[in-house]
PDB file of N, CA and C in Angstrom:
ATOM      1  N   MET A   1     -38.931  95.563   3.642  1.00  0.00           N
ATOM      2  CA  MET A   1     -37.696  95.676   2.913  1.00  0.00           C
ATOM      3  C   MET A   1     -36.770  94.491   3.176  1.00  0.00           C
ATOM      4  N   ILE A   2     -36.688  94.037   4.405  1.00  0.00           N
ATOM      5  CA  ILE A   2     -35.771  92.981   4.702  1.00  0.00           C
ATOM      6  C   ILE A   2     -36.229  91.689   4.057  1.00  0.00           C
ATOM      7  N   ALA A   3     -37.567  91.381   4.133  1.00  0.00           N
ATOM      8  CA  ALA A   3     -38.051  90.118   3.568  1.00  0.00           C
ATOM      9  C   ALA A   3     -37.894  90.182   2.003  1.00  0.00           C
ATOM     10  N   ALA A   4     -38.184  91.328   1.419  1.00  0.00           N
ATOM     11  CA  ALA A   4     -38.102  91.466   0.000  1.00  0.00           C
ATOM     12  C   ALA A   4     -36.692  91.281  -0.496  1.00  0.00           C
ATOM     13  N   ASN A   5     -35.749  91.894   0.216  1.00  0.00           N
ATOM     14  CA  ASN A   5     -34.326  91.667  -0.221  1.00  0.00           C
ATOM     15  C   ASN A   5     -33.897  90.213  -0.023  1.00  0.00           C
ATOM     16  N   GLY A   6     -34.366  89.565   1.056  1.00  0.00           N
ATOM     17  CA  GLY A   6     -33.998  88.186   1.223  1.00  0.00           C
ATOM     18  C   GLY A   6     -34.571  87.326   0.184  1.00  0.00           C
ATOM     19  N   MET A   7     -35.807  87.540  -0.220  1.00  0.00           N
ATOM     20  CA  MET A   7     -36.356  86.725  -1.286  1.00  0.00           C
ATOM     21  C   MET A   7     -35.712  86.991  -2.641  1.00  0.00           C
ATOM     22  N   ASN A   8     -35.353  88.244  -2.875  1.00  0.00           N
ATOM     23  CA  ASN A   8     -34.659  88.554  -4.094  1.00  0.00           C
ATOM     24  C   ASN A   8     -33.316  87.826  -4.205  1.00  0.00           C
ATOM     25  N   ALA A   9     -32.546  87.815  -3.081  1.00  0.00           N
ATOM     26  CA  ALA A   9     -31.275  87.090  -3.088  1.00  0.00           C
ATOM     27  C   ALA A   9     -31.450  85.673  -3.251  1.00  0.00           C
ATOM     28  N   VAL A  10     -32.519  84.995  -2.665  1.00  0.00           N
ATOM     29  CA  VAL A  10     -32.746  83.579  -2.856  1.00  0.00           C
ATOM     30  C   VAL A  10     -33.114  83.219  -4.322  1.00  0.00           C
ATOM     31  N   SER A  11     -33.895  84.146  -4.906  1.00  0.00           N
ATOM     32  CA  SER A  11     -34.267  83.941  -6.315  1.00  0.00           C
ATOM     33  C   SER A  11     -33.036  83.970  -7.200  1.00  0.00           C
ATOM     34  N   ILE A  12     -32.147  84.929  -6.975  1.00  0.00           N
ATOM     35  CA  ILE A  12     -30.925  85.027  -7.764  1.00  0.00           C
ATOM     36  C   ILE A  12     -30.022  83.837  -7.525  1.00  0.00           C
ATOM     37  N   MET A  13     -29.920  83.363  -6.278  1.00  0.00           N
ATOM     38  CA  MET A  13     -29.097  82.221  -5.987  1.00  0.00           C
ATOM     39  C   MET A  13     -29.568  81.022  -6.649  1.00  0.00           C
ATOM     40  N   PHE A  14     -30.924  80.696  -6.622  1.00  0.00           N
ATOM     41  CA  PHE A  14     -31.434  79.513  -7.200  1.00  0.00           C
ATOM     42  C   PHE A  14     -31.344  79.522  -8.758  1.00  0.00           C
ATOM     43  N   GLU A  15     -31.469  80.746  -9.309  1.00  0.00           N
ATOM     44  CA  GLU A  15     -31.379  80.921 -10.750  1.00  0.00           C
ATOM     45  C   GLU A  15     -29.931  80.571 -11.219  1.00  0.00           C
ATOM     46  N   ARG A  16     -28.955  81.071 -10.480  1.00  0.00           N
ATOM     47  CA  ARG A  16     -27.582  80.727 -10.765  1.00  0.00           C
ATOM     48  C   ARG A  16     -27.246  79.314 -10.626  1.00  0.00           C
ATOM     49  N   MET A  17     -27.805  78.660  -9.583  1.00  0.00           N
ATOM     50  CA  MET A  17     -27.570  77.167  -9.339  1.00  0.00           C
ATOM     51  C   MET A  17     -28.251  76.382 -10.402  1.00  0.00           C
ATOM     52  N   LYS A  18     -29.430  76.919 -10.833  1.00  0.00           N
ATOM     53  CA  LYS A  18     -30.192  76.164 -11.920  1.00  0.00           C
ATOM     54  C   LYS A  18     -29.440  76.165 -13.252  1.00  0.00           C
ATOM     55  N   SER A  19     -28.619  77.155 -13.468  1.00  0.00           N
ATOM     56  CA  SER A  19     -27.907  77.257 -14.733  1.00  0.00           C
ATOM     57  C   SER A  19     -26.558  76.553 -14.632  1.00  0.00           C
ATOM     58  N   GLY A  20     -26.335  75.731 -13.619  1.00  0.00           N
ATOM     59  CA  GLY A  20     -25.202  74.907 -13.479  1.00  0.00           C
ATOM     60  C   GLY A  20     -24.133  75.346 -12.530  1.00  0.00           C
ATOM     61  N   GLY A  21     -24.328  76.449 -11.897  1.00  0.00           N
ATOM     62  CA  GLY A  21     -23.325  76.933 -10.854  1.00  0.00           C
ATOM     63  C   GLY A  21     -23.422  76.156  -9.527  1.00  0.00           C
ATOM     64  N   LEU A  22     -22.316  76.350  -8.824  1.00  0.00           N
ATOM     65  CA  LEU A  22     -22.267  75.682  -7.426  1.00  0.00           C
ATOM     66  C   LEU A  22     -22.996  76.631  -6.477  1.00  0.00           C
ATOM     67  N   ALA A  23     -23.172  76.060  -5.238  1.00  0.00           N
ATOM     68  CA  ALA A  23     -23.884  76.858  -4.247  1.00  0.00           C
ATOM     69  C   ALA A  23     -23.137  78.069  -3.912  1.00  0.00           C
ATOM     70  N   GLY A  24     -21.824  77.994  -3.737  1.00  0.00           N
ATOM     71  CA  GLY A  24     -21.029  79.148  -3.414  1.00  0.00           C
ATOM     72  C   GLY A  24     -21.088  80.235  -4.451  1.00  0.00           C
ATOM     73  N   ASP A  25     -21.113  79.829  -5.757  1.00  0.00           N
ATOM     74  CA  ASP A  25     -21.304  80.822  -6.819  1.00  0.00           C
ATOM     75  C   ASP A  25     -22.663  81.462  -6.721  1.00  0.00           C
ATOM     76  N   GLY A  26     -23.678  80.686  -6.435  1.00  0.00           N
ATOM     77  CA  GLY A  26     -25.018  81.279  -6.335  1.00  0.00           C
ATOM     78  C   GLY A  26     -25.122  82.241  -5.198  1.00  0.00           C
ATOM     79  N   ILE A  27     -24.550  81.962  -4.034  1.00  0.00           N
ATOM     80  CA  ILE A  27     -24.642  82.905  -2.937  1.00  0.00           C
ATOM     81  C   ILE A  27     -23.847  84.140  -3.289  1.00  0.00           C
ATOM     82  N   ARG A  28     -22.658  83.991  -3.878  1.00  0.00           N
ATOM     83  CA  ARG A  28     -21.779  85.169  -4.246  1.00  0.00           C
ATOM     84  C   ARG A  28     -22.570  86.041  -5.211  1.00  0.00           C
ATOM     85  N   THR A  29     -23.186  85.407  -6.199  1.00  0.00           N
ATOM     86  CA  THR A  29     -23.978  86.187  -7.177  1.00  0.00           C
ATOM     87  C   THR A  29     -25.213  86.871  -6.558  1.00  0.00           C
ATOM     88  N   ALA A  30     -25.827  86.206  -5.638  1.00  0.00           N
ATOM     89  CA  ALA A  30     -27.032  86.698  -5.000  1.00  0.00           C
ATOM     90  C   ALA A  30     -26.737  87.947  -4.165  1.00  0.00           C
ATOM     91  N   MET A  31     -25.495  88.007  -3.603  1.00  0.00           N
ATOM     92  CA  MET A  31     -25.081  89.112  -2.683  1.00  0.00           C
ATOM     93  C   MET A  31     -24.592  90.328  -3.427  1.00  0.00           C
ATOM     94  N   ILE A  32     -24.350  90.182  -4.762  1.00  0.00           N
ATOM     95  CA  ILE A  32     -23.793  91.378  -5.516  1.00  0.00           C
ATOM     96  C   ILE A  32     -24.631  92.590  -5.436  1.00  0.00           C
ATOM     97  N   PRO A  33     -25.975  92.501  -5.691  1.00  0.00           N
ATOM     98  CA  PRO A  33     -26.772  93.764  -5.637  1.00  0.00           C
ATOM     99  C   PRO A  33     -26.852  94.336  -4.211  1.00  0.00           C
ATOM    100  N   THR A  34     -26.830  93.544  -3.176  1.00  0.00           N
ATOM    101  CA  THR A  34     -26.845  94.061  -1.829  1.00  0.00           C
ATOM    102  C   THR A  34     -25.545  94.751  -1.463  1.00  0.00           C
ATOM    103  N   VAL A  35     -24.433  94.192  -1.815  1.00  0.00           N
ATOM    104  CA  VAL A  35     -23.147  94.767  -1.511  1.00  0.00           C
ATOM    105  C   VAL A  35     -22.987  95.993  -2.345  1.00  0.00           C
ATOM    106  N   ASP A  36     -23.371  96.003  -3.587  1.00  0.00           N
ATOM    107  CA  ASP A  36     -23.304  97.230  -4.444  1.00  0.00           C
ATOM    108  C   ASP A  36     -24.101  98.388  -3.852  1.00  0.00           C
ATOM    109  N   THR A  37     -25.241  98.085  -3.256  1.00  0.00           N
ATOM    110  CA  THR A  37     -25.981  99.154  -2.637  1.00  0.00           C
ATOM    111  C   THR A  37     -25.209  99.761  -1.456  1.00  0.00           C
ATOM    112  N   LEU A  38     -24.523  98.981  -0.708  1.00  0.00           N
ATOM    113  CA  LEU A  38     -23.745  99.467   0.394  1.00  0.00           C
ATOM    114  C   LEU A  38     -22.559 100.342  -0.098  1.00  0.00           C
ATOM    115  N   LYS A  39     -22.072 100.037  -1.235  1.00  0.00           N
ATOM    116  CA  LYS A  39     -20.928 100.855  -1.783  1.00  0.00           C
ATOM    117  C   LYS A  39     -21.282 102.246  -2.110  1.00  0.00           C
ATOM    118  N   VAL A  40     -22.559 102.524  -2.493  1.00  0.00           N
ATOM    119  CA  VAL A  40     -22.884 103.869  -3.002  1.00  0.00           C
ATOM    120  C   VAL A  40     -23.796 104.622  -1.980  1.00  0.00           C
ATOM    121  N   VAL A  41     -24.089 104.053  -0.797  1.00  0.00           N
ATOM    122  CA  VAL A  41     -24.982 104.761   0.103  1.00  0.00           C
ATOM    123  C   VAL A  41     -24.160 105.998   0.623  1.00  0.00           C
ATOM    124  N   GLY A  42     -24.855 107.138   0.500  1.00  0.00           N
ATOM    125  CA  GLY A  42     -24.303 108.431   0.899  1.00  0.00           C
ATOM    126  C   GLY A  42     -23.633 109.105  -0.269  1.00  0.00           C
ATOM    127  N   LEU A  43     -23.217 108.438  -1.274  1.00  0.00           N
ATOM    128  CA  LEU A  43     -22.631 109.064  -2.486  1.00  0.00           C
ATOM    129  C   LEU A  43     -23.696 109.428  -3.545  1.00  0.00           C
ATOM    130  N   VAL A  44     -24.506 108.434  -3.791  1.00  0.00           N
ATOM    131  CA  VAL A  44     -25.490 108.544  -4.880  1.00  0.00           C
ATOM    132  C   VAL A  44     -26.852 108.991  -4.278  1.00  0.00           C
ATOM    133  N   HIS A  45     -27.198 108.482  -3.201  1.00  0.00           N
ATOM    134  CA  HIS A  45     -28.537 108.858  -2.606  1.00  0.00           C
ATOM    135  C   HIS A  45     -28.402 108.872  -1.081  1.00  0.00           C
ATOM    136  N   MET A  46     -29.188 109.731  -0.442  1.00  0.00           N
ATOM    137  CA  MET A  46     -29.255 109.783   0.973  1.00  0.00           C
ATOM    138  C   MET A  46     -30.411 108.927   1.459  1.00  0.00           C
ATOM    139  N   PRO A  47     -30.096 107.953   2.199  1.00  0.00           N
ATOM    140  CA  PRO A  47     -31.210 107.043   2.626  1.00  0.00           C
ATOM    141  C   PRO A  47     -32.265 107.715   3.460  1.00  0.00           C
ATOM    142  N   GLY A  48     -33.446 107.067   3.496  1.00  0.00           N
ATOM    143  CA  GLY A  48     -34.603 107.702   4.152  1.00  0.00           C
ATOM    144  C   GLY A  48     -34.481 107.911   5.645  1.00  0.00           C
ATOM    145  N   ILE A  49     -34.004 106.918   6.395  1.00  0.00           N
ATOM    146  CA  ILE A  49     -33.934 107.121   7.818  1.00  0.00           C
ATOM    147  C   ILE A  49     -32.883 108.196   8.218  1.00  0.00           C
ATOM    148  N   PHE A  50     -31.835 108.235   7.457  1.00  0.00           N
ATOM    149  CA  PHE A  50     -30.872 109.283   7.783  1.00  0.00           C
ATOM    150  C   PHE A  50     -31.393 110.745   7.587  1.00  0.00           C
ATOM    151  N   VAL A  51     -32.046 110.951   6.466  1.00  0.00           N
ATOM    152  CA  VAL A  51     -32.606 112.277   6.158  1.00  0.00           C
ATOM    153  C   VAL A  51     -33.726 112.566   7.191  1.00  0.00           C
ATOM    154  N   GLY A  52     -34.574 111.607   7.504  1.00  0.00           N
ATOM    155  CA  GLY A  52     -35.590 111.833   8.465  1.00  0.00           C
ATOM    156  C   GLY A  52     -35.148 112.211   9.829  1.00  0.00           C
ATOM    157  N   MET A  53     -34.134 111.518  10.313  1.00  0.00           N
ATOM    158  CA  MET A  53     -33.602 111.832  11.573  1.00  0.00           C
ATOM    159  C   MET A  53     -32.908 113.150  11.612  1.00  0.00           C
ATOM    160  N   ILE A  54     -32.205 113.560  10.538  1.00  0.00           N
ATOM    161  CA  ILE A  54     -31.535 114.893  10.500  1.00  0.00           C
ATOM    162  C   ILE A  54     -32.609 115.943  10.518  1.00  0.00           C
ATOM    163  N   LEU A  55     -33.672 115.786   9.700  1.00  0.00           N
ATOM    164  CA  LEU A  55     -34.700 116.785   9.696  1.00  0.00           C
ATOM    165  C   LEU A  55     -35.439 116.936  10.996  1.00  0.00           C
ATOM    166  N   ALA A  56     -35.465 115.849  11.745  1.00  0.00           N
ATOM    167  CA  ALA A  56     -36.104 115.837  13.078  1.00  0.00           C
ATOM    168  C   ALA A  56     -35.200 116.471  14.111  1.00  0.00           C
ATOM    169  N   GLY A  57     -33.987 116.708  13.801  1.00  0.00           N
ATOM    170  CA  GLY A  57     -33.049 117.366  14.793  1.00  0.00           C
ATOM    171  C   GLY A  57     -32.092 116.436  15.455  1.00  0.00           C
ATOM    172  N   SER A  58     -31.971 115.224  15.060  1.00  0.00           N
ATOM    173  CA  SER A  58     -31.037 114.306  15.647  1.00  0.00           C
ATOM    174  C   SER A  58     -29.616 114.639  15.248  1.00  0.00           C
ATOM    175  N   PRO A  59     -28.673 114.330  16.037  1.00  0.00           N
ATOM    176  CA  PRO A  59     -27.283 114.518  15.653  1.00  0.00           C
ATOM    177  C   PRO A  59     -26.862 113.630  14.500  1.00  0.00           C
ATOM    178  N   PRO A  60     -26.021 114.138  13.587  1.00  0.00           N
ATOM    179  CA  PRO A  60     -25.675 113.358  12.408  1.00  0.00           C
ATOM    180  C   PRO A  60     -25.073 111.956  12.697  1.00  0.00           C
ATOM    181  N   MET A  61     -24.266 111.775  13.701  1.00  0.00           N
ATOM    182  CA  MET A  61     -23.689 110.530  14.033  1.00  0.00           C
ATOM    183  C   MET A  61     -24.721 109.525  14.414  1.00  0.00           C
ATOM    184  N   THR A  62     -25.757 109.973  15.160  1.00  0.00           N
ATOM    185  CA  THR A  62     -26.849 109.076  15.618  1.00  0.00           C
ATOM    186  C   THR A  62     -27.690 108.677  14.342  1.00  0.00           C
ATOM    187  N   ALA A  63     -27.924 109.594  13.429  1.00  0.00           N
ATOM    188  CA  ALA A  63     -28.667 109.266  12.230  1.00  0.00           C
ATOM    189  C   ALA A  63     -27.811 108.259  11.349  1.00  0.00           C
ATOM    190  N   ALA A  64     -26.537 108.481  11.291  1.00  0.00           N
ATOM    191  CA  ALA A  64     -25.686 107.603  10.433  1.00  0.00           C
ATOM    192  C   ALA A  64     -25.640 106.217  11.090  1.00  0.00           C
ATOM    193  N   SER A  65     -25.494 106.153  12.401  1.00  0.00           N
ATOM    194  CA  SER A  65     -25.521 104.810  12.997  1.00  0.00           C
ATOM    195  C   SER A  65     -26.833 104.079  12.871  1.00  0.00           C
ATOM    196  N   ALA A  66     -27.943 104.753  12.950  1.00  0.00           N
ATOM    197  CA  ALA A  66     -29.198 104.088  12.718  1.00  0.00           C
ATOM    198  C   ALA A  66     -29.335 103.596  11.279  1.00  0.00           C
ATOM    199  N   GLN A  67     -28.860 104.375  10.319  1.00  0.00           N
ATOM    200  CA  GLN A  67     -28.915 103.935   8.920  1.00  0.00           C
ATOM    201  C   GLN A  67     -28.065 102.738   8.688  1.00  0.00           C
ATOM    202  N   LEU A  68     -26.880 102.712   9.245  1.00  0.00           N
ATOM    203  CA  LEU A  68     -25.974 101.588   9.134  1.00  0.00           C
ATOM    204  C   LEU A  68     -26.571 100.330   9.705  1.00  0.00           C
ATOM    205  N   ILE A  69     -27.244 100.481  10.859  1.00  0.00           N
ATOM    206  CA  ILE A  69     -27.874  99.267  11.392  1.00  0.00           C
ATOM    207  C   ILE A  69     -28.908  98.693  10.433  1.00  0.00           C
ATOM    208  N   VAL A  70     -29.719  99.560   9.832  1.00  0.00           N
ATOM    209  CA  VAL A  70     -30.737  99.112   8.886  1.00  0.00           C
ATOM    210  C   VAL A  70     -30.058  98.382   7.689  1.00  0.00           C
ATOM    211  N   LEU A  71     -28.950  99.047   7.141  1.00  0.00           N
ATOM    212  CA  LEU A  71     -28.360  98.492   5.991  1.00  0.00           C
ATOM    213  C   LEU A  71     -27.699  97.090   6.328  1.00  0.00           C
ATOM    214  N   TYR A  72     -27.078  97.019   7.476  1.00  0.00           N
ATOM    215  CA  TYR A  72     -26.409  95.701   7.764  1.00  0.00           C
ATOM    216  C   TYR A  72     -27.517  94.650   8.141  1.00  0.00           C
ATOM    217  N   MET A  73     -28.692  95.090   8.584  1.00  0.00           N
ATOM    218  CA  MET A  73     -29.791  94.151   8.758  1.00  0.00           C
ATOM    219  C   MET A  73     -30.252  93.540   7.412  1.00  0.00           C
ATOM    220  N   ILE A  74     -30.299  94.456   6.416  1.00  0.00           N
ATOM    221  CA  ILE A  74     -30.667  93.966   5.067  1.00  0.00           C
ATOM    222  C   ILE A  74     -29.594  93.000   4.515  1.00  0.00           C
ATOM    223  N   VAL A  75     -28.366  93.320   4.673  1.00  0.00           N
ATOM    224  CA  VAL A  75     -27.279  92.427   4.175  1.00  0.00           C
ATOM    225  C   VAL A  75     -27.372  91.059   4.945  1.00  0.00           C
ATOM    226  N   ALA A  76     -27.490  91.109   6.276  1.00  0.00           N
ATOM    227  CA  ALA A  76     -27.555  89.884   7.077  1.00  0.00           C
ATOM    228  C   ALA A  76     -28.810  89.045   6.703  1.00  0.00           C
ATOM    229  N   SER A  77     -29.915  89.673   6.417  1.00  0.00           N
ATOM    230  CA  SER A  77     -31.116  88.918   6.025  1.00  0.00           C
ATOM    231  C   SER A  77     -30.953  88.231   4.661  1.00  0.00           C
ATOM    232  N   SER A  78     -30.300  88.968   3.793  1.00  0.00           N
ATOM    233  CA  SER A  78     -30.110  88.345   2.429  1.00  0.00           C
ATOM    234  C   SER A  78     -29.201  87.180   2.520  1.00  0.00           C
ATOM    235  N   LEU A  79     -28.135  87.288   3.257  1.00  0.00           N
ATOM    236  CA  LEU A  79     -27.189  86.134   3.350  1.00  0.00           C
ATOM    237  C   LEU A  79     -27.890  84.997   4.141  1.00  0.00           C
ATOM    238  N   THR A  80     -28.518  85.326   5.221  1.00  0.00           N
ATOM    239  CA  THR A  80     -29.214  84.283   6.021  1.00  0.00           C
ATOM    240  C   THR A  80     -30.291  83.615   5.247  1.00  0.00           C
ATOM    241  N   SER A  81     -31.019  84.307   4.431  1.00  0.00           N
ATOM    242  CA  SER A  81     -32.062  83.694   3.550  1.00  0.00           C
ATOM    243  C   SER A  81     -31.446  82.741   2.618  1.00  0.00           C
ATOM    244  N   CYS A  82     -30.374  83.122   1.957  1.00  0.00           N
ATOM    245  CA  CYS A  82     -29.685  82.236   1.061  1.00  0.00           C
ATOM    246  C   CYS A  82     -29.201  80.917   1.703  1.00  0.00           C
ATOM    247  N   ILE A  83     -28.597  81.103   2.871  1.00  0.00           N
ATOM    248  CA  ILE A  83     -28.031  79.921   3.551  1.00  0.00           C
ATOM    249  C   ILE A  83     -29.093  79.062   4.061  1.00  0.00           C
ATOM    250  N   VAL A  84     -30.124  79.587   4.667  1.00  0.00           N
ATOM    251  CA  VAL A  84     -31.198  78.745   5.167  1.00  0.00           C
ATOM    252  C   VAL A  84     -31.943  78.072   4.029  1.00  0.00           C
ATOM    253  N   SER A  85     -32.174  78.728   2.921  1.00  0.00           N
ATOM    254  CA  SER A  85     -32.912  78.027   1.837  1.00  0.00           C
ATOM    255  C   SER A  85     -32.028  76.944   1.175  1.00  0.00           C
ATOM    256  N   LEU A  86     -30.765  77.155   1.168  1.00  0.00           N
ATOM    257  CA  LEU A  86     -29.858  76.172   0.669  1.00  0.00           C
ATOM    258  C   LEU A  86     -29.802  74.912   1.532  1.00  0.00           C
ATOM    259  N   LEU A  87     -29.759  75.155   2.871  1.00  0.00           N
ATOM    260  CA  LEU A  87     -29.776  74.029   3.826  1.00  0.00           C
ATOM    261  C   LEU A  87     -31.154  73.303   3.738  1.00  0.00           C
ATOM    262  N   MET A  88     -32.211  74.016   3.616  1.00  0.00           N
ATOM    263  CA  MET A  88     -33.533  73.358   3.534  1.00  0.00           C
ATOM    264  C   MET A  88     -33.568  72.548   2.194  1.00  0.00           C
ATOM    265  N   MET A  89     -33.049  73.064   1.130  1.00  0.00           N
ATOM    266  CA  MET A  89     -33.055  72.351  -0.130  1.00  0.00           C
ATOM    267  C   MET A  89     -32.272  71.061  -0.007  1.00  0.00           C
ATOM    268  N   ASN A  90     -31.121  71.177   0.628  1.00  0.00           N
ATOM    269  CA  ASN A  90     -30.286  69.925   0.794  1.00  0.00           C
ATOM    270  C   ASN A  90     -31.002  68.939   1.724  1.00  0.00           C
ATOM    271  N   HIS A  91     -31.647  69.447   2.792  1.00  0.00           N
ATOM    272  CA  HIS A  91     -32.396  68.565   3.689  1.00  0.00           C
ATOM    273  C   HIS A  91     -33.520  67.876   2.982  1.00  0.00           C
ATOM    274  N   PHE A  92     -34.352  68.579   2.258  1.00  0.00           N
ATOM    275  CA  PHE A  92     -35.466  67.947   1.527  1.00  0.00           C
ATOM    276  C   PHE A  92     -34.986  67.054   0.430  1.00  0.00           C
ATOM    277  N   ASP A  93     -33.865  67.358  -0.200  1.00  0.00           N
ATOM    278  CA  ASP A  93     -33.384  66.484  -1.285  1.00  0.00           C
ATOM    279  C   ASP A  93     -32.876  65.144  -0.703  1.00  0.00           C
ATOM    280  N   LYS A  94     -32.220  65.188   0.492  1.00  0.00           N
ATOM    281  CA  LYS A  94     -31.812  63.902   1.097  1.00  0.00           C
ATOM    282  C   LYS A  94     -33.006  63.111   1.655  1.00  0.00           C
ATOM    283  N   ALA A  95     -33.988  63.876   2.165  1.00  0.00           N
ATOM    284  CA  ALA A  95     -35.233  63.162   2.624  1.00  0.00           C
ATOM    285  C   ALA A  95     -35.886  62.471   1.530  1.00  0.00           C
ATOM    286  N   ASN A  96     -36.005  63.125   0.315  1.00  0.00           N
ATOM    287  CA  ASN A  96     -36.649  62.455  -0.797  1.00  0.00           C
ATOM    288  C   ASN A  96     -35.794  61.311  -1.352  1.00  0.00           C
ATOM    289  N   SER A  97     -34.502  61.357  -1.271  1.00  0.00           N
ATOM    290  CA  SER A  97     -33.716  60.209  -1.827  1.00  0.00           C
ATOM    291  C   SER A  97     -33.768  59.040  -0.953  1.00  0.00           C
ATOM    292  N   TRP A  98     -34.029  59.195   0.363  1.00  0.00           N
ATOM    293  CA  TRP A  98     -34.158  58.036   1.279  1.00  0.00           C
ATOM    294  C   TRP A  98     -35.367  57.271   1.050  1.00  0.00           C
ATOM    295  N   THR A  99     -36.481  57.927   0.633  1.00  0.00           N
ATOM    296  CA  THR A  99     -37.764  57.292   0.459  1.00  0.00           C
ATOM    297  C   THR A  99     -37.837  56.426  -0.820  1.00  0.00           C
ATOM    298  N   GLN A 100     -36.877  56.730  -1.716  1.00  0.00           N
ATOM    299  CA  GLN A 100     -36.938  55.970  -2.982  1.00  0.00           C
ATOM    300  C   GLN A 100     -36.204  54.716  -2.978  1.00  0.00           C
TER     301      GLN A 100
END
């Protein structure tokens, strides 16, 4: 899940940049689906780890904290993937311009 969300964010970021947007616009656009998912958690659907822990007899606060950890890991991986890929793109772009 974490890798898939990161790759999805990178794809959206590069698509936005390809259409003429700046890097900041690309990252902002790439994070929209991830942030929107955080907005509706618990209202629209009950996430898997939360329900599983509740059914196993865990206290609700423990289940909620475990679910929040997973959700914030997904957000952090999406943002980190965008930033790292942007830095790598800039690095390889500068390396190619020096050889010419």
